[in-house]
C-alpha atoms as a PDB file:
ATOM      1  CA  MET A   1      34.455 -39.304 -12.215  1.00  0.00           C
ATOM      2  CA  ARG A   2      36.417 -36.268 -10.940  1.00  0.00           C
ATOM      3  CA  SER A   3      34.321 -33.961 -13.025  1.00  0.00           C
ATOM      4  CA  SER A   4      31.057 -35.448 -11.680  1.00  0.00           C
ATOM      5  CA  ARG A   5      32.338 -35.044  -8.141  1.00  0.00           C
ATOM      6  CA  LYS A   6      33.369 -31.490  -8.702  1.00  0.00           C
ATOM      7  CA  ASN A   7      30.060 -30.649 -10.239  1.00  0.00           C
ATOM      8  CA  GLY A   8      28.260 -31.995  -7.169  1.00  0.00           C
ATOM      9  CA  GLU A   9      30.448 -29.927  -4.960  1.00  0.00           C
ATOM     10  CA  VAL A  10      29.710 -26.829  -6.922  1.00  0.00           C
ATOM     11  CA  ALA A  11      25.930 -27.619  -6.806  1.00  0.00           C
ATOM     12  CA  PHE A  12      26.077 -28.153  -3.106  1.00  0.00           C
ATOM     13  CA  ALA A  13      28.003 -24.790  -2.629  1.00  0.00           C
ATOM     14  CA  VAL A  14      25.431 -22.974  -4.645  1.00  0.00           C
ATOM     15  CA  GLY A  15      22.682 -24.497  -2.628  1.00  0.00           C
ATOM     16  CA  ILE A  16      24.234 -23.385   0.632  1.00  0.00           C
ATOM     17  CA  VAL A  17      24.669 -19.874  -0.705  1.00  0.00           C
ATOM     18  CA  LEU A  18      21.024 -19.829  -1.984  1.00  0.00           C
ATOM     19  CA  THR A  19      19.798 -21.152   1.329  1.00  0.00           C
ATOM     20  CA  LEU A  20      21.748 -18.397   3.321  1.00  0.00           C
ATOM     21  CA  SER A  21      20.325 -15.847   1.010  1.00  0.00           C
ATOM     22  CA  VAL A  22      16.699 -17.011   1.636  1.00  0.00           C
ATOM     23  CA  PHE A  23      17.404 -16.995   5.456  1.00  0.00           C
ATOM     24  CA  ALA A  24      18.803 -13.340   5.048  1.00  0.00           C
ATOM     25  CA  ALA A  25      15.690 -12.336   3.099  1.00  0.00           C
ATOM     26  CA  ILE A  26      13.368 -13.827   5.745  1.00  0.00           C
ATOM     27  CA  GLN A  27      15.341 -12.052   8.594  1.00  0.00           C
ATOM     28  CA  ASN A  28      15.324  -8.702   6.626  1.00  0.00           C
ATOM     29  CA  ALA A  29      11.488  -9.123   6.213  1.00  0.00           C
ATOM     30  CA  ASN A  30      11.085  -9.773   9.908  1.00  0.00           C
ATOM     31  CA  ALA A  31      13.104  -6.742  10.728  1.00  0.00           C
ATOM     32  CA  GLN A  32      11.116  -4.436   8.508  1.00  0.00           C
ATOM     33  CA  GLN A  33       9.178  -1.629  10.111  1.00  0.00           C
ATOM     34  CA  TRP A  34       5.439  -1.586   9.307  1.00  0.00           C
ATOM     35  CA  PRO A  35       3.551   1.651   8.902  1.00  0.00           C
ATOM     36  CA  SER A  36       1.943   1.195  12.420  1.00  0.00           C
ATOM     37  CA  GLN A  37       5.415   1.389  13.972  1.00  0.00           C
ATOM     38  CA  MET A  38       6.559   4.537  12.281  1.00  0.00           C
ATOM     39  CA  TRP A  39       6.079   8.231  13.274  1.00  0.00           C
ATOM     40  CA  HIS A  40       5.639  11.007  10.792  1.00  0.00           C
ATOM     41  CA  ASP A  41       5.362  14.735  10.925  1.00  0.00           C
ATOM     42  CA  GLY A  42       1.780  15.732  10.192  1.00  0.00           C
ATOM     43  CA  LYS A  43      -1.618  17.094  11.181  1.00  0.00           C
ATOM     44  CA  VAL A  44      -5.099  15.862  12.046  1.00  0.00           C
ATOM     45  CA  VAL A  45      -8.395  17.545  11.372  1.00  0.00           C
ATOM     46  CA  LEU A  46     -11.059  16.132  13.779  1.00  0.00           C
ATOM     47  CA  VAL A  47     -14.768  15.764  13.261  1.00  0.00           C
ATOM     48  CA  GLU A  48     -15.283  18.591  15.910  1.00  0.00           C
ATOM     49  CA  GLY A  49     -13.235  20.911  13.803  1.00  0.00           C
ATOM     50  CA  ASP A  50     -10.017  21.037  15.755  1.00  0.00           C
ATOM     51  CA  THR A  51      -6.647  20.755  13.856  1.00  0.00           C
ATOM     52  CA  ILE A  52      -3.757  19.077  15.874  1.00  0.00           C
ATOM     53  CA  LYS A  53      -0.186  19.136  14.645  1.00  0.00           C
ATOM     54  CA  GLY A  54       2.466  16.644  15.779  1.00  0.00           C
ATOM     55  CA  GLN A  55       4.054  13.304  15.156  1.00  0.00           C
ATOM     56  CA  ILE A  56       1.477  10.880  13.684  1.00  0.00           C
ATOM     57  CA  LYS A  57       1.551   7.035  13.608  1.00  0.00           C
ATOM     58  CA  TYR A  58      -1.248   5.316  11.776  1.00  0.00           C
ATOM     59  CA  ASP A  59      -2.766   1.823  11.584  1.00  0.00           C
ATOM     60  CA  LEU A  60      -5.123   1.334   8.700  1.00  0.00           C
ATOM     61  CA  GLN A  61      -6.053  -2.194   9.662  1.00  0.00           C
ATOM     62  CA  GLN A  62      -7.303  -0.931  13.011  1.00  0.00           C
ATOM     63  CA  ASP A  63      -8.364   2.400  11.540  1.00  0.00           C
ATOM     64  CA  LEU A  64      -6.584   4.186  14.402  1.00  0.00           C
ATOM     65  CA  ILE A  65      -4.112   6.977  14.539  1.00  0.00           C
ATOM     66  CA  GLN A  66      -1.952   8.216  17.387  1.00  0.00           C
ATOM     67  CA  ILE A  67      -0.527  11.753  17.574  1.00  0.00           C
ATOM     68  CA  ASN A  68       2.353  12.863  19.620  1.00  0.00           C
ATOM     69  CA  ILE A  69       1.807  16.608  20.551  1.00  0.00           C
ATOM     70  CA  ARG A  70       5.036  18.539  21.189  1.00  0.00           C
ATOM     71  CA  ASN A  71       6.460  15.425  22.928  1.00  0.00           C
ATOM     72  CA  THR A  72       4.221  16.154  25.869  1.00  0.00           C
ATOM     73  CA  ARG A  73       1.383  13.753  25.409  1.00  0.00           C
ATOM     74  CA  THR A  74       0.076  11.187  22.907  1.00  0.00           C
ATOM     75  CA  GLU A  75      -3.543  10.951  22.052  1.00  0.00           C
ATOM     76  CA  ALA A  76      -5.307   8.257  19.910  1.00  0.00           C
ATOM     77  CA  PHE A  77      -8.289   8.739  17.562  1.00  0.00           C
ATOM     78  CA  SER A  78     -10.427   6.259  15.665  1.00  0.00           C
ATOM     79  CA  ALA A  79     -11.692   6.882  12.028  1.00  0.00           C
ATOM     80  CA  ARG A  80     -15.112   7.956  13.670  1.00  0.00           C
ATOM     81  CA  LYS A  81     -13.445  10.978  15.207  1.00  0.00           C
ATOM     82  CA  VAL A  82     -11.327  12.132  12.251  1.00  0.00           C
ATOM     83  CA  LEU A  83     -12.104  13.975   9.051  1.00  0.00           C
ATOM     84  CA  PHE A  84      -8.670  13.992   7.597  1.00  0.00           C
ATOM     85  CA  PHE A  85      -5.009  13.623   8.414  1.00  0.00           C
ATOM     86  CA  GLU A  86      -1.695  14.409   6.483  1.00  0.00           C
ATOM     87  CA  ILE A  87       1.759  13.226   6.885  1.00  0.00           C
ATOM     88  CA  PHE A  88       5.177  13.713   5.313  1.00  0.00           C
ATOM     89  CA  ASP A  89       6.383  10.318   4.704  1.00  0.00           C
ATOM     90  CA  MET A  90      10.265  10.394   4.733  1.00  0.00           C
ATOM     91  CA  THR A  91      10.351   6.875   3.291  1.00  0.00           C
ATOM     92  CA  VAL A  92       8.914   8.053   0.039  1.00  0.00           C
ATOM     93  CA  ARG A  93       9.755  11.775   0.516  1.00  0.00           C
ATOM     94  CA  ARG A  94       6.214  13.056  -0.129  1.00  0.00           C
ATOM     95  CA  TYR A  95       3.089  14.183   1.533  1.00  0.00           C
ATOM     96  CA  ARG A  96       0.364  11.642   1.989  1.00  0.00           C
ATOM     97  CA  GLN A  97      -3.246  12.517   2.708  1.00  0.00           C
ATOM     98  CA  PHE A  98      -5.871  10.251   4.365  1.00  0.00           C
ATOM     99  CA  TYR A  99      -9.614  10.630   4.754  1.00  0.00           C
ATOM    100  CA  ALA A 100     -12.132   8.944   6.994  1.00  0.00           C
ATOM    101  CA  LEU A 101     -14.925   7.839   4.532  1.00  0.00           C
ATOM    102  CA  PRO A 102     -17.982   5.614   5.021  1.00  0.00           C
ATOM    103  CA  PHE A 103     -17.515   2.171   3.779  1.00  0.00           C
ATOM    104  CA  ASN A 104     -19.501  -1.059   4.005  1.00  0.00           C
ATOM    105  CA  ASN A 105     -18.061  -3.370   6.648  1.00  0.00           C
ATOM    106  CA  THR A 106     -18.529  -7.099   6.866  1.00  0.00           C
ATOM    107  CA  THR A 107     -21.956  -6.696   8.545  1.00  0.00           C
ATOM    108  CA  GLY A 108     -23.230  -4.575   5.603  1.00  0.00           C
ATOM    109  CA  TYR A 109     -23.332  -1.278   7.521  1.00  0.00           C
ATOM    110  CA  LYS A 110     -21.315   1.723   6.525  1.00  0.00           C
ATOM    111  CA  THR A 111     -18.739   2.900   8.978  1.00  0.00           C
ATOM    112  CA  PRO A 112     -15.865   5.424   8.657  1.00  0.00           C
ATOM    113  CA  VAL A 113     -12.484   3.826   7.628  1.00  0.00           C
ATOM    114  CA  PHE A 114      -9.240   5.522   6.546  1.00  0.00           C
ATOM    115  CA  PHE A 115      -8.418   5.727   2.857  1.00  0.00           C
ATOM    116  CA  GLU A 116      -5.334   7.267   1.214  1.00  0.00           C
ATOM    117  CA  LEU A 117      -6.206   9.808  -1.403  1.00  0.00           C
ATOM    118  CA  LEU A 118      -4.040   9.193  -4.464  1.00  0.00           C
ATOM    119  CA  VAL A 119      -5.878  10.962  -7.251  1.00  0.00           C
ATOM    120  CA  GLU A 120      -8.955  13.103  -7.214  1.00  0.00           C
ATOM    121  CA  GLY A 121     -11.053  13.874 -10.325  1.00  0.00           C
ATOM    122  CA  LYS A 122     -13.530  12.114 -12.494  1.00  0.00           C
ATOM    123  CA  PHE A 123     -11.832   8.815 -11.401  1.00  0.00           C
ATOM    124  CA  THR A 124     -10.950   9.400  -7.750  1.00  0.00           C
ATOM    125  CA  LEU A 125      -8.419   6.617  -6.691  1.00  0.00           C
ATOM    126  CA  LEU A 126      -7.962   5.569  -3.122  1.00  0.00           C
ATOM    127  CA  ALA A 127      -5.808   3.057  -1.410  1.00  0.00           C
ATOM    128  CA  ARG A 128      -5.597   1.066   1.827  1.00  0.00           C
ATOM    129  CA  GLU A 129      -2.455  -0.747   3.082  1.00  0.00           C
ATOM    130  CA  ALA A 130      -2.587  -4.101   4.644  1.00  0.00           C
ATOM    131  CA  ILE A 131      -0.029  -6.606   5.986  1.00  0.00           C
ATOM    132  CA  GLU A 132      -0.520 -10.129   4.493  1.00  0.00           C
ATOM    133  CA  PHE A 133       1.100 -13.503   4.601  1.00  0.00           C
ATOM    134  CA  ARG A 134       2.482 -14.645   1.224  1.00  0.00           C
ATOM    135  CA  SER A 135       4.090 -18.012   0.460  1.00  0.00           C
ATOM    136  CA  TYR A 136       7.235 -18.439  -1.579  1.00  0.00           C
ATOM    137  CA  SER A 137       9.073 -21.302  -2.955  1.00  0.00           C
ATOM    138  CA  SER A 138      12.807 -21.476  -2.315  1.00  0.00           C
ATOM    139  CA  PRO A 139      15.369 -23.761  -4.039  1.00  0.00           C
ATOM    140  CA  TYR A 140      17.234 -26.739  -2.784  1.00  0.00           C
ATOM    141  CA  TYR A 141      16.706 -27.515   0.863  1.00  0.00           C
ATOM    142  CA  LEU A 142      14.206 -25.066   2.392  1.00  0.00           C
ATOM    143  CA  GLY A 143      11.098 -26.108   0.292  1.00  0.00           C
ATOM    144  CA  SER A 144       8.735 -23.151   0.737  1.00  0.00           C
ATOM    145  CA  TYR A 145       8.200 -20.335   3.417  1.00  0.00           C
ATOM    146  CA  THR A 146       5.804 -17.841   4.431  1.00  0.00           C
ATOM    147  CA  ARG A 147       6.349 -14.218   5.367  1.00  0.00           C
ATOM    148  CA  GLN A 148       4.445 -10.993   5.849  1.00  0.00           C
ATOM    149  CA  ILE A 149       4.540  -8.200   3.225  1.00  0.00           C
ATOM    150  CA  LEU A 150       2.921  -4.793   2.826  1.00  0.00           C
ATOM    151  CA  VAL A 151       0.225  -4.655   0.048  1.00  0.00           C
ATOM    152  CA  ASN A 152      -1.920  -1.968  -1.226  1.00  0.00           C
ATOM    153  CA  HIS A 153      -5.774  -2.506  -2.029  1.00  0.00           C
ATOM    154  CA  PHE A 154      -7.128   0.089  -4.447  1.00  0.00           C
ATOM    155  CA  PHE A 155     -10.573   1.557  -4.601  1.00  0.00           C
ATOM    156  CA  PHE A 156     -12.605   3.991  -6.666  1.00  0.00           C
ATOM    157  CA  LEU A 157     -14.921   6.691  -5.313  1.00  0.00           C
ATOM    158  CA  ASN A 158     -17.814   7.774  -7.542  1.00  0.00           C
ATOM    159  CA  GLU A 159     -19.667  10.881  -7.776  1.00  0.00           C
ATOM    160  CA  ASP A 160     -22.377   9.488  -5.419  1.00  0.00           C
ATOM    161  CA  GLY A 161     -19.935   8.851  -2.693  1.00  0.00           C
ATOM    162  CA  ASP A 162     -19.937   5.014  -3.090  1.00  0.00           C
ATOM    163  CA  ILE A 163     -16.550   3.272  -2.786  1.00  0.00           C
ATOM    164  CA  SER A 164     -15.785   0.043  -4.675  1.00  0.00           C
ATOM    165  CA  GLU A 165     -12.607  -2.030  -4.483  1.00  0.00           C
ATOM    166  CA  PHE A 166     -10.760  -2.465  -7.813  1.00  0.00           C
ATOM    167  CA  LYS A 167      -9.656  -6.040  -8.125  1.00  0.00           C
ATOM    168  CA  GLY A 168      -9.319  -6.134 -11.950  1.00  0.00           C
ATOM    169  CA  SER A 169      -6.529  -6.442 -14.402  1.00  0.00           C
ATOM    170  CA  LYS A 170      -5.095  -3.944 -16.741  1.00  0.00           C
ATOM    171  CA  GLY A 171      -7.634  -4.783 -19.331  1.00  0.00           C
ATOM    172  CA  ASP A 172     -10.535  -4.245 -16.848  1.00  0.00           C
ATOM    173  CA  LEU A 173      -8.992  -0.887 -16.000  1.00  0.00           C
ATOM    174  CA  LEU A 174      -8.822   0.092 -19.705  1.00  0.00           C
ATOM    175  CA  ASP A 175     -12.357  -1.125 -20.211  1.00  0.00           C
ATOM    176  CA  MET A 176     -13.582   1.237 -17.563  1.00  0.00           C
ATOM    177  CA  MET A 177     -11.850   4.127 -19.475  1.00  0.00           C
ATOM    178  CA  GLY A 178     -14.035   3.738 -22.554  1.00  0.00           C
ATOM    179  CA  LYS A 179     -13.100   5.922 -25.507  1.00  0.00           C
ATOM    180  CA  LYS A 180     -10.036   7.115 -23.673  1.00  0.00           C
ATOM    181  CA  SER A 181      -8.613   3.649 -23.246  1.00  0.00           C
ATOM    182  CA  ASP A 182      -6.379   3.791 -26.401  1.00  0.00           C
ATOM    183  CA  ALA A 183      -4.760   6.937 -25.323  1.00  0.00           C
ATOM    184  CA  VAL A 184      -4.219   5.732 -21.772  1.00  0.00           C
ATOM    185  CA  GLU A 185      -2.729   2.452 -22.947  1.00  0.00           C
ATOM    186  CA  ALA A 186      -0.386   4.320 -25.162  1.00  0.00           C
ATOM    187  CA  TYR A 187       0.607   6.433 -22.154  1.00  0.00           C
ATOM    188  CA  MET A 188       1.184   3.394 -20.009  1.00  0.00           C
ATOM    189  CA  LYS A 189       3.414   1.836 -22.573  1.00  0.00           C
ATOM    190  CA  GLU A 190       5.318   4.990 -23.235  1.00  0.00           C
ATOM    191  CA  ASN A 191       6.072   5.455 -19.540  1.00  0.00           C
ATOM    192  CA  HIS A 192       6.274   1.665 -18.546  1.00  0.00           C
ATOM    193  CA  LEU A 193       3.559   2.079 -16.082  1.00  0.00           C
ATOM    194  CA  LYS A 194       1.679  -0.796 -14.322  1.00  0.00           C
ATOM    195  CA  PRO A 195      -1.511  -0.542 -12.213  1.00  0.00           C
ATOM    196  CA  ASP A 196      -0.183  -2.913  -9.551  1.00  0.00           C
ATOM    197  CA  ASP A 197       2.252  -0.202  -8.270  1.00  0.00           C
ATOM    198  CA  LYS A 198       0.635   2.445  -6.147  1.00  0.00           C
ATOM    199  CA  TYR A 199       2.208   5.551  -7.536  1.00  0.00           C
ATOM    200  CA  GLU A 200       2.169   4.234 -11.175  1.00  0.00           C
ATOM    201  CA  PHE A 201      -1.478   3.480 -10.885  1.00  0.00           C
ATOM    202  CA  ALA A 202      -1.981   6.932  -9.685  1.00  0.00           C
ATOM    203  CA  ARG A 203      -0.090   8.416 -12.632  1.00  0.00           C
ATOM    204  CA  ILE A 204      -2.404   6.408 -15.050  1.00  0.00           C
ATOM    205  CA  VAL A 205      -5.612   7.635 -13.420  1.00  0.00           C
ATOM    206  CA  ALA A 206      -4.352  11.312 -13.258  1.00  0.00           C
ATOM    207  CA  TYR A 207      -3.608  10.996 -17.014  1.00  0.00           C
ATOM    208  CA  TYR A 208      -7.052   9.632 -17.729  1.00  0.00           C
ATOM    209  CA  ASN A 209      -8.615  12.571 -15.651  1.00  0.00           C
ATOM    210  CA  SER A 210      -6.521  15.083 -17.677  1.00  0.00           C
ATOM    211  CA  ILE A 211      -7.650  14.140 -21.118  1.00  0.00           C
END
């Protein structure tokens, strides 16, 4: 009887700890800074040919950038007015390059949108970030909960300038690589690379382009 009661108390305590952990995770997610809230050192090249240097904040979902010029003024530009911008992202400690490229919108017409260039070559790999809601199951008393996370959508740019989103699996990716697929698969296994991670996907495509 005592053992059963003790086990119940332990289970209750564990449930409380897990519940608090879930609440903490939700609070941390809510406190996360999204890309549209962060400033980075960088430069912008406009369609008109001007190059502007300063602190850049970008929003891929709105296809809009803001640039703070020498702390004196802030200007905003849509993808229609930008050829290219580059930032140094301190969160990943690397330079990142973005291009405004024509892409089919929901009405079927092509309009410039921002893509991050990950790899250039026979396979040119692009990415776009998005903030999406995802549902998660939690143990014991909370049931399920929903929170926002940052995800990457991947695209390939072909030699004709057409951009198509890649929604396939690892197998689909290897099928696209034809005779090189065995070598690429061996490289992925050796280096523990997965195409659902942005920088690992870039390494896979860069290796394919190199062989």
